[in-house]
Amino acid sequence: MAKFLFSGSYTSDGAKGLLKEGGSRRRAMLEEMIGSLGGTVEAFYFAFGEADVYVIADIPDAISAAALSMTASATGAVGVRTVALLTPEEIDEASSKSVTYRPPGA
């Protein structure tokens, strides 16, 4: 499973829905949504600031994460940003790969 960080900002319609349903029902809905893709929610938090909600989830693959993000964004109730998260061990593996690269202008 791959780990992703989703952050979302509610539109005015999304905020009205949140006021009507409450935070616990939104979390349960998202757990169901992620579960339908074969994933699990690791953390779910509402926040002040740049985003209204942050979710860390284990998702089977990037395609499933993209499907989740597009489905939620398409409602118009929330804008979603998706970030793939990497473990230190994955960075160790990446740093051991040989990559051919020439900087611009070199």
C-alpha atoms as a PDB file:
ATOM      1  CA  MET A   1       0.000   0.000   0.000  1.00  0.00           C
ATOM      2  CA  ALA A   2       1.073   3.536  -0.690  1.00  0.00           C
ATOM      3  CA  LYS A   3       0.575   6.324   1.821  1.00  0.00           C
ATOM      4  CA  PHE A   4      -1.026   9.616   0.803  1.00  0.00           C
ATOM      5  CA  LEU A   5      -1.774  12.919   2.488  1.00  0.00           C
ATOM      6  CA  PHE A   6      -5.034  14.497   1.353  1.00  0.00           C
ATOM      7  CA  SER A   7      -5.855  18.067   2.292  1.00  0.00           C
ATOM      8  CA  GLY A   8      -9.169  19.652   1.522  1.00  0.00           C
ATOM      9  CA  SER A   9     -10.705  23.085   1.575  1.00  0.00           C
ATOM     10  CA  TYR A  10     -14.475  23.295   1.747  1.00  0.00           C
ATOM     11  CA  THR A  11     -16.455  25.593  -0.508  1.00  0.00           C
ATOM     12  CA  SER A  12     -19.375  27.457   1.060  1.00  0.00           C
ATOM     13  CA  ASP A  13     -21.692  24.572   0.066  1.00  0.00           C
ATOM     14  CA  GLY A  14     -19.286  22.071   1.608  1.00  0.00           C
ATOM     15  CA  ALA A  15     -19.115  24.086   4.822  1.00  0.00           C
ATOM     16  CA  LYS A  16     -22.931  24.197   4.969  1.00  0.00           C
ATOM     17  CA  GLY A  17     -23.001  20.405   4.608  1.00  0.00           C
ATOM     18  CA  LEU A  18     -20.400  20.047   7.365  1.00  0.00           C
ATOM     19  CA  LEU A  19     -22.451  22.263   9.668  1.00  0.00           C
ATOM     20  CA  LYS A  20     -25.520  20.118   8.929  1.00  0.00           C
ATOM     21  CA  GLU A  21     -23.874  16.666   9.254  1.00  0.00           C
ATOM     22  CA  GLY A  22     -21.024  17.274  11.701  1.00  0.00           C
ATOM     23  CA  GLY A  23     -17.409  16.163  11.663  1.00  0.00           C
ATOM     24  CA  SER A  24     -17.883  12.558  12.786  1.00  0.00           C
ATOM     25  CA  ARG A  25     -20.224  11.784   9.903  1.00  0.00           C
ATOM     26  CA  ARG A  26     -17.732  13.298   7.425  1.00  0.00           C
ATOM     27  CA  ARG A  27     -14.962  11.126   8.853  1.00  0.00           C
ATOM     28  CA  ALA A  28     -17.165   8.003   8.634  1.00  0.00           C
ATOM     29  CA  MET A  29     -18.068   8.835   5.018  1.00  0.00           C
ATOM     30  CA  LEU A  30     -14.408   9.258   4.096  1.00  0.00           C
ATOM     31  CA  GLU A  31     -13.469   5.990   5.822  1.00  0.00           C
ATOM     32  CA  GLU A  32     -16.153   4.269   3.759  1.00  0.00           C
ATOM     33  CA  MET A  33     -14.968   5.971   0.556  1.00  0.00           C
ATOM     34  CA  ILE A  34     -11.336   4.990   1.123  1.00  0.00           C
ATOM     35  CA  GLY A  35     -12.384   1.496   2.214  1.00  0.00           C
ATOM     36  CA  SER A  36     -14.271   1.045  -1.063  1.00  0.00           C
ATOM     37  CA  LEU A  37     -10.909   1.411  -2.823  1.00  0.00           C
ATOM     38  CA  GLY A  38      -9.249  -1.144  -0.546  1.00  0.00           C
ATOM     39  CA  GLY A  39      -7.562   1.468   1.641  1.00  0.00           C
ATOM     40  CA  THR A  40      -7.633   2.557   5.269  1.00  0.00           C
ATOM     41  CA  VAL A  41      -7.569   5.903   7.071  1.00  0.00           C
ATOM     42  CA  GLU A  42      -4.594   6.362   9.384  1.00  0.00           C
ATOM     43  CA  ALA A  43      -5.423   9.888  10.574  1.00  0.00           C
ATOM     44  CA  PHE A  44      -8.235  12.396  10.047  1.00  0.00           C
ATOM     45  CA  TYR A  45      -8.125  15.963  11.372  1.00  0.00           C
ATOM     46  CA  PHE A  46     -10.025  19.181  10.851  1.00  0.00           C
ATOM     47  CA  ALA A  47      -7.826  22.290  10.956  1.00  0.00           C
ATOM     48  CA  PHE A  48      -7.643  26.051  10.821  1.00  0.00           C
ATOM     49  CA  GLY A  49      -5.556  27.668   8.118  1.00  0.00           C
ATOM     50  CA  GLU A  50      -4.750  26.803   4.529  1.00  0.00           C
ATOM     51  CA  ALA A  51      -6.851  23.614   4.539  1.00  0.00           C
ATOM     52  CA  ASP A  52      -9.965  22.633   6.462  1.00  0.00           C
ATOM     53  CA  VAL A  53      -9.267  18.905   6.666  1.00  0.00           C
ATOM     54  CA  TYR A  54      -6.189  16.645   6.550  1.00  0.00           C
ATOM     55  CA  VAL A  55      -6.268  12.888   6.001  1.00  0.00           C
ATOM     56  CA  ILE A  56      -3.424  10.373   5.923  1.00  0.00           C
ATOM     57  CA  ALA A  57      -4.477   7.135   4.268  1.00  0.00           C
ATOM     58  CA  ASP A  58      -3.044   3.882   2.987  1.00  0.00           C
ATOM     59  CA  ILE A  59      -4.297   3.466  -0.584  1.00  0.00           C
ATOM     60  CA  PRO A  60      -3.490   0.521  -2.881  1.00  0.00           C
ATOM     61  CA  ASP A  61      -1.949   2.688  -5.636  1.00  0.00           C
ATOM     62  CA  ALA A  62      -1.707   6.151  -7.180  1.00  0.00           C
ATOM     63  CA  ILE A  63      -4.565   5.454  -9.598  1.00  0.00           C
ATOM     64  CA  SER A  64      -6.923   4.751  -6.685  1.00  0.00           C
ATOM     65  CA  ALA A  65      -5.705   7.900  -4.900  1.00  0.00           C
ATOM     66  CA  ALA A  66      -6.375   9.937  -8.043  1.00  0.00           C
ATOM     67  CA  ALA A  67      -9.870   8.430  -8.338  1.00  0.00           C
ATOM     68  CA  LEU A  68     -10.624   9.415  -4.742  1.00  0.00           C
ATOM     69  CA  SER A  69      -9.338  12.951  -5.239  1.00  0.00           C
ATOM     70  CA  MET A  70     -11.188  13.482  -8.521  1.00  0.00           C
ATOM     71  CA  THR A  71     -14.458  12.078  -7.153  1.00  0.00           C
ATOM     72  CA  ALA A  72     -14.417  14.371  -4.110  1.00  0.00           C
ATOM     73  CA  SER A  73     -13.345  17.435  -6.111  1.00  0.00           C
ATOM     74  CA  ALA A  74     -15.988  16.832  -8.781  1.00  0.00           C
ATOM     75  CA  THR A  75     -18.740  17.428  -6.215  1.00  0.00           C
ATOM     76  CA  GLY A  76     -17.762  21.083  -5.988  1.00  0.00           C
ATOM     77  CA  ALA A  77     -18.080  20.899  -2.189  1.00  0.00           C
ATOM     78  CA  VAL A  78     -14.375  20.536  -1.514  1.00  0.00           C
ATOM     79  CA  GLY A  79     -11.089  21.193  -3.268  1.00  0.00           C
ATOM     80  CA  VAL A  80      -8.653  18.328  -2.687  1.00  0.00           C
ATOM     81  CA  ARG A  81      -4.870  18.264  -2.858  1.00  0.00           C
ATOM     82  CA  THR A  82      -3.080  14.906  -2.856  1.00  0.00           C
ATOM     83  CA  VAL A  83       0.518  14.275  -1.797  1.00  0.00           C
ATOM     84  CA  ALA A  84       2.292  10.920  -2.061  1.00  0.00           C
ATOM     85  CA  LEU A  85       4.196  10.211   1.164  1.00  0.00           C
ATOM     86  CA  LEU A  86       7.458   8.260   1.233  1.00  0.00           C
ATOM     87  CA  THR A  87       9.119   6.476   4.136  1.00  0.00           C
ATOM     88  CA  PRO A  88      12.796   7.035   4.970  1.00  0.00           C
ATOM     89  CA  GLU A  89      13.456   3.525   3.649  1.00  0.00           C
ATOM     90  CA  GLU A  90      11.840   4.390   0.320  1.00  0.00           C
ATOM     91  CA  ILE A  91      14.090   7.448   0.083  1.00  0.00           C
ATOM     92  CA  ASP A  92      17.084   5.179   0.849  1.00  0.00           C
ATOM     93  CA  GLU A  93      16.035   2.969  -2.058  1.00  0.00           C
ATOM     94  CA  ALA A  94      15.508   5.956  -4.357  1.00  0.00           C
ATOM     95  CA  SER A  95      18.892   7.440  -3.463  1.00  0.00           C
ATOM     96  CA  SER A  96      20.629   4.198  -4.458  1.00  0.00           C
ATOM     97  CA  LYS A  97      19.236   4.296  -8.017  1.00  0.00           C
ATOM     98  CA  SER A  98      21.500   5.496 -10.798  1.00  0.00           C
ATOM     99  CA  VAL A  99      19.898   8.229 -12.900  1.00  0.00           C
ATOM    100  CA  THR A 100      21.307   9.787 -16.075  1.00  0.00           C
ATOM    101  CA  TYR A 101      20.853  13.562 -15.907  1.00  0.00           C
ATOM    102  CA  ARG A 102      22.386  16.685 -17.438  1.00  0.00           C
ATOM    103  CA  PRO A 103      21.574  20.060 -15.839  1.00  0.00           C
ATOM    104  CA  PRO A 104      20.213  22.735 -18.180  1.00  0.00           C
ATOM    105  CA  GLY A 105      22.978  24.553 -19.992  1.00  0.00           C
ATOM    106  CA  ALA A 106      25.698  22.089 -18.958  1.00  0.00           C
END
